[in-house]
Amino acid sequence: MRPLTEQDIRSSFVNCSKGEARRLAVPRDLAERPWEDLDFLGWRDPGAPDRTHLVTEREGRLVGVAMRFQPARRGFLQRSLCSLCLTSHPRGGVSLMTARKAGAAGREGNSVGLYMCTDLACSLYVRGKKVPETGARFEESLTLEEQIARTTGNLHAFLDKLAA
C-alpha cells in the first residue's frame, strides 16, 4: 500500500458523512507505518474505544470504512479465527467489527459485520512481521502471495457487502 496522508484518509470514507470523516481521529504515526507490508491501514480511535477505521486501495482508489468494535463476550470462545487473514488468536484477539452500509441502506440502519484481528494487524500476521499471542500461525500450503491475495479477497468481499 502506498503511504497515506491525513487528507487521503479523510476523503476515502464511504459509509459516513464528510463531517464525521472530518472529526474522526487519524493516526499520528503515519510516517512510521510499514506501508510496504500493509494491505490496509487499520486503527482504533483512542477517543472512542468502540470505534475502528480501515482504509484500503481498491481498483485505483482509496476506500475507507468506519466500524464499531465489539469485543468477544466472556466465556464465548477460548480461541477464535480472523475472517480476513485466518490467524488464530486466544480469547480477545478477534472481535466483531460492524460497519454501517454505504448510502441509503446505511441511513436506514443496515450494517455488515466481520470478525477481524482486534489489533487490525492482519497484513503483518500474514507476512510474519507480527506473531500472534499463541506464538505462530497455522502452517499453510499456500505461498505468501496466495495468502495475501486471499486476505485482500476477503476484505474486498466485505467491502462489496457494504456497497450492496
Protein backbone atom coordinates (compact mmCIF):
# COMPACT_ATOMS: atom_id res chain seq x y z
CA MET A 1 0.00 0.00 0.00
CA ARG A 2 1.25 3.50 -0.72
CA PRO A 3 1.81 5.92 2.18
CA LEU A 4 -1.34 7.88 3.02
CA THR A 5 -1.83 11.43 4.21
CA GLU A 6 -4.47 12.63 6.62
CA GLN A 7 -6.35 14.18 3.69
CA ASP A 8 -6.21 10.89 1.74
CA ILE A 9 -7.71 9.09 4.71
CA ARG A 10 -10.48 11.59 5.47
CA SER A 11 -11.65 11.76 1.85
CA SER A 12 -11.81 7.96 1.45
CA PHE A 13 -14.72 7.06 3.75
CA VAL A 14 -17.74 5.53 2.04
CA ASN A 15 -20.03 4.89 5.00
CA CYS A 16 -20.01 8.12 6.97
CA SER A 17 -20.70 11.77 6.29
CA LYS A 18 -17.97 14.26 5.36
CA GLY A 19 -18.46 15.87 8.77
CA GLU A 20 -17.97 12.54 10.55
CA ALA A 21 -14.86 11.85 8.46
CA ARG A 22 -13.50 15.32 9.30
CA ARG A 23 -13.96 14.69 13.04
CA LEU A 24 -12.52 11.16 13.29
CA ALA A 25 -9.12 10.62 14.88
CA VAL A 26 -6.45 9.83 12.29
CA PRO A 27 -3.28 8.02 13.44
CA ARG A 28 -0.45 10.42 14.23
CA ASP A 29 2.25 7.92 13.31
CA LEU A 30 1.52 7.72 9.58
CA ALA A 31 5.17 8.35 8.68
CA GLU A 32 6.27 5.33 10.78
CA ARG A 33 3.79 2.81 9.38
CA PRO A 34 5.27 -0.14 7.42
CA TRP A 35 3.37 0.80 4.23
CA GLU A 36 5.10 -1.78 2.03
CA ASP A 37 3.72 -4.53 4.30
CA LEU A 38 0.15 -3.23 4.61
CA ASP A 39 -2.86 -4.34 2.59
CA PHE A 40 -4.93 -1.84 4.55
CA LEU A 41 -4.44 0.78 7.24
CA GLY A 42 -6.48 -0.10 10.31
CA TRP A 43 -6.69 1.68 13.66
CA ARG A 44 -8.81 2.11 16.76
CA ASP A 45 -9.99 5.56 17.76
CA PRO A 46 -8.30 6.40 21.10
CA GLY A 47 -11.06 8.88 21.94
CA ALA A 48 -13.87 6.43 21.19
CA PRO A 49 -12.69 2.92 22.11
CA ASP A 50 -15.69 1.28 20.44
CA ARG A 51 -14.75 2.67 17.01
CA THR A 52 -12.28 1.36 14.47
CA HIS A 53 -11.39 2.51 10.98
CA LEU A 54 -9.95 0.86 7.92
CA VAL A 55 -8.63 2.33 4.65
CA THR A 56 -7.51 0.28 1.66
CA GLU A 57 -6.78 0.73 -2.03
CA ARG A 58 -9.23 -0.87 -4.42
CA GLU A 59 -9.37 -0.52 -8.19
CA GLY A 60 -7.12 2.53 -8.10
CA ARG A 61 -8.97 4.45 -5.39
CA LEU A 62 -8.99 4.59 -1.62
CA VAL A 63 -11.92 3.12 0.29
CA GLY A 64 -12.34 3.98 3.97
CA VAL A 65 -14.76 2.27 6.34
CA ALA A 66 -15.86 3.40 9.79
CA MET A 67 -16.70 0.46 12.05
CA ARG A 68 -17.90 -0.30 15.55
CA PHE A 69 -15.78 -2.60 17.65
CA GLN A 70 -17.45 -5.33 19.72
CA PRO A 71 -15.10 -7.39 21.88
CA ALA A 72 -15.89 -11.07 22.19
CA ARG A 73 -18.11 -11.94 25.13
CA ARG A 74 -16.62 -13.51 28.23
CA GLY A 75 -16.68 -17.27 28.08
CA PHE A 76 -17.62 -17.09 24.39
CA LEU A 77 -14.71 -18.89 22.76
CA GLN A 78 -11.30 -19.91 24.01
CA ARG A 79 -9.81 -19.34 20.56
CA SER A 80 -11.07 -17.52 17.52
CA LEU A 81 -10.10 -17.09 13.89
CA CYS A 82 -9.90 -13.83 11.94
CA SER A 83 -12.17 -13.91 8.88
CA LEU A 84 -9.71 -11.85 6.83
CA CYS A 85 -6.27 -13.35 7.40
CA LEU A 86 -7.24 -16.65 9.07
CA THR A 87 -4.94 -16.03 12.03
CA SER A 88 -5.95 -17.89 15.19
CA HIS A 89 -5.93 -15.89 18.42
CA PRO A 90 -6.66 -16.63 22.07
CA ARG A 91 -9.71 -15.02 23.66
CA GLY A 92 -9.92 -11.31 22.90
CA GLY A 93 -7.65 -11.46 19.84
CA VAL A 94 -10.55 -11.44 17.38
CA SER A 95 -13.51 -9.06 17.60
CA LEU A 96 -16.65 -8.34 15.66
CA MET A 97 -16.23 -5.18 13.57
CA THR A 98 -19.57 -3.85 12.35
CA ALA A 99 -19.85 -1.22 9.62
CA ARG A 100 -22.90 0.78 8.60
CA LYS A 101 -23.66 0.09 4.94
CA ALA A 102 -22.97 2.80 2.40
CA GLY A 103 -25.75 5.01 1.04
CA ALA A 104 -29.46 4.75 1.73
CA ALA A 105 -29.17 1.26 3.26
CA GLY A 106 -26.79 2.58 5.90
CA ARG A 107 -29.03 5.56 6.65
CA GLU A 108 -31.81 3.03 7.27
CA GLY A 109 -29.63 1.29 9.87
CA ASN A 110 -28.36 -1.68 7.85
CA SER A 111 -24.88 -2.91 8.66
CA VAL A 112 -22.38 -5.66 7.87
CA GLY A 113 -20.09 -7.38 10.35
CA LEU A 114 -16.82 -9.24 10.13
CA TYR A 115 -14.66 -10.98 12.73
CA MET A 116 -11.19 -9.44 12.49
CA CYS A 117 -7.95 -9.34 14.43
CA THR A 118 -8.67 -6.94 17.29
CA ASP A 119 -5.41 -5.08 16.65
CA LEU A 120 -6.18 -4.82 12.89
CA ALA A 121 -2.70 -6.15 12.06
CA CYS A 122 -3.83 -8.83 9.58
CA SER A 123 -1.29 -7.76 6.94
CA LEU A 124 1.58 -8.11 9.39
CA TYR A 125 0.42 -11.53 10.64
CA VAL A 126 0.18 -12.89 7.09
CA ARG A 127 3.69 -11.68 6.27
CA GLY A 128 5.18 -12.97 9.54
CA LYS A 129 6.10 -9.43 10.62
CA LYS A 130 3.97 -9.81 13.75
CA VAL A 131 3.43 -13.01 15.71
CA PRO A 132 0.07 -13.76 17.34
CA GLU A 133 0.00 -14.26 21.09
CA THR A 134 -0.08 -18.01 20.55
CA GLY A 135 3.40 -17.79 19.02
CA ALA A 136 2.70 -18.87 15.44
CA ARG A 137 0.13 -19.01 12.65
CA PHE A 138 -1.16 -22.22 11.15
CA GLU A 139 1.25 -23.64 8.63
CA GLU A 140 -0.30 -23.38 5.18
CA SER A 141 0.48 -24.86 1.79
CA LEU A 142 -0.34 -21.53 0.09
CA THR A 143 2.51 -19.25 -0.89
CA LEU A 144 2.82 -15.87 0.80
CA GLU A 145 1.45 -14.20 -2.35
CA GLU A 146 -1.58 -16.53 -2.32
CA GLN A 147 -2.20 -15.80 1.37
CA ILE A 148 -2.02 -12.06 0.70
CA ALA A 149 -4.42 -12.47 -2.25
CA ARG A 150 -6.83 -14.43 -0.05
CA THR A 151 -6.70 -11.76 2.67
CA THR A 152 -7.35 -8.93 0.20
CA GLY A 153 -10.06 -11.01 -1.48
CA ASN A 154 -11.79 -11.49 1.89
CA LEU A 155 -11.52 -7.74 2.53
CA HIS A 156 -12.95 -6.93 -0.91
CA ALA A 157 -15.87 -9.31 -0.30
CA PHE A 158 -16.61 -7.39 2.93
CA LEU A 159 -16.44 -4.08 1.02
CA ASP A 160 -18.79 -5.48 -1.64
CA LYS A 161 -21.34 -6.31 1.07
CA LEU A 162 -21.06 -2.73 2.38
CA ALA A 163 -21.82 -1.32 -1.06
CA ALA A 164 -24.68 -3.74 -1.85
